C-alpha cells in the first residue's frame, strides 16, 4: 500500500511536492519556502499533481481551500 508519493516538476515556481495519503498532508516546495497544506483530499492532490501547470492548479484547487503552514527557506535549512 502506498502511503506517500513524491513528484518533481519542471516548473520555475513549484519544484516538488510530497503527499501523505494517511495524514492528507500536501507539502509543496518552492525555491524560497515550503507550504504544508492540511486535510487535502486525494482527489484534489491527484488533480494538482497531474495538471499541465502546477502553479495554476495550486491557485485553483489548493490555495484558499485548505489551511496551511509556511516554512521559509531559512527555517527549513536550519
Protein backbone atom coordinates (compact mmCIF):
# COMPACT_ATOMS: atom_id res chain seq x y z
CA UNK A 1 0.00 0.00 0.00
CA UNK A 2 1.38 3.39 -0.99
CA UNK A 3 1.28 5.86 1.90
CA UNK A 4 3.34 8.74 0.43
CA UNK A 5 4.20 9.94 -3.02
CA UNK A 6 6.73 12.49 -4.25
CA UNK A 7 6.65 14.40 -7.54
CA UNK A 8 9.33 16.60 -9.08
CA UNK A 9 8.13 19.21 -11.57
CA UNK A 10 9.73 21.02 -14.47
CA UNK A 11 8.46 24.39 -13.25
CA UNK A 12 10.08 27.68 -12.33
CA UNK A 13 7.70 28.06 -9.38
CA UNK A 14 6.79 24.66 -7.94
CA UNK A 15 9.84 22.43 -7.54
CA UNK A 16 8.45 19.34 -5.82
CA UNK A 17 5.52 18.02 -3.83
CA UNK A 18 5.02 15.26 -1.29
CA UNK A 19 1.59 13.89 -0.43
CA UNK A 20 0.82 11.68 2.56
CA UNK A 21 -2.30 9.62 1.91
CA UNK A 22 -2.74 8.75 5.59
CA UNK A 23 -2.48 12.26 7.09
CA UNK A 24 -3.77 14.03 3.93
CA UNK A 25 -0.88 16.49 4.14
CA UNK A 26 0.47 18.04 0.95
CA UNK A 27 3.90 19.67 1.10
CA UNK A 28 4.74 21.94 -1.82
CA UNK A 29 8.36 23.03 -2.24
CA UNK A 30 9.20 26.41 -3.78
CA UNK A 31 12.68 27.92 -4.27
CA UNK A 32 12.40 30.05 -1.10
CA UNK A 33 9.83 28.26 1.08
CA UNK A 34 7.68 25.20 1.57
CA UNK A 35 3.98 25.08 2.30
CA UNK A 36 2.30 22.32 4.28
CA UNK A 37 -1.38 22.09 3.31
CA UNK A 38 -3.57 20.20 5.79
CA UNK A 39 -6.51 17.87 5.06
CA UNK A 40 -6.05 17.80 1.27
CA UNK A 41 -8.25 15.18 -0.37
CA UNK A 42 -6.57 12.56 -2.55
CA UNK A 43 -8.72 13.69 -5.49
CA UNK A 44 -7.54 17.30 -5.16
CA UNK A 45 -3.93 16.15 -4.77
CA UNK A 46 -4.15 13.99 -7.91
CA UNK A 47 -5.70 16.84 -9.89
CA UNK A 48 -2.89 19.16 -8.74
CA UNK A 49 -0.10 16.64 -9.39
CA UNK A 50 -1.34 15.72 -12.87
CA UNK A 51 -2.14 19.25 -14.06
CA UNK A 52 -0.33 20.82 -17.01
CA UNK A 53 0.65 23.71 -14.71
CA UNK A 54 1.18 23.08 -11.00
CA UNK A 55 1.25 26.82 -10.28
CA UNK A 56 -2.15 27.32 -11.87
CA UNK A 57 -3.56 24.16 -10.25
CA UNK A 58 -2.24 25.22 -6.85
CA UNK A 59 -4.08 28.53 -7.15
CA UNK A 60 -7.31 26.96 -8.43
CA UNK A 61 -7.51 23.75 -6.37
CA UNK A 62 -5.44 24.07 -3.20
CA UNK A 63 -4.99 27.71 -2.16
CA UNK A 64 -7.98 29.12 -0.33
CA UNK A 65 -9.49 25.68 0.20
CA UNK A 66 -7.03 24.26 2.73
CA UNK A 67 -5.28 25.61 5.80
CA UNK A 68 -1.51 25.72 5.55
CA UNK A 69 1.73 26.28 7.42
CA UNK A 70 4.51 28.14 5.62
CA UNK A 71 8.18 27.44 6.33
CA UNK A 72 10.69 29.96 4.98
CA UNK A 73 13.88 28.63 3.39
CA UNK A 74 15.97 29.64 6.42
CA UNK A 75 13.55 27.71 8.70
CA UNK A 76 13.89 24.64 6.52
CA UNK A 77 17.69 24.75 6.23
CA UNK A 78 18.38 25.22 9.95
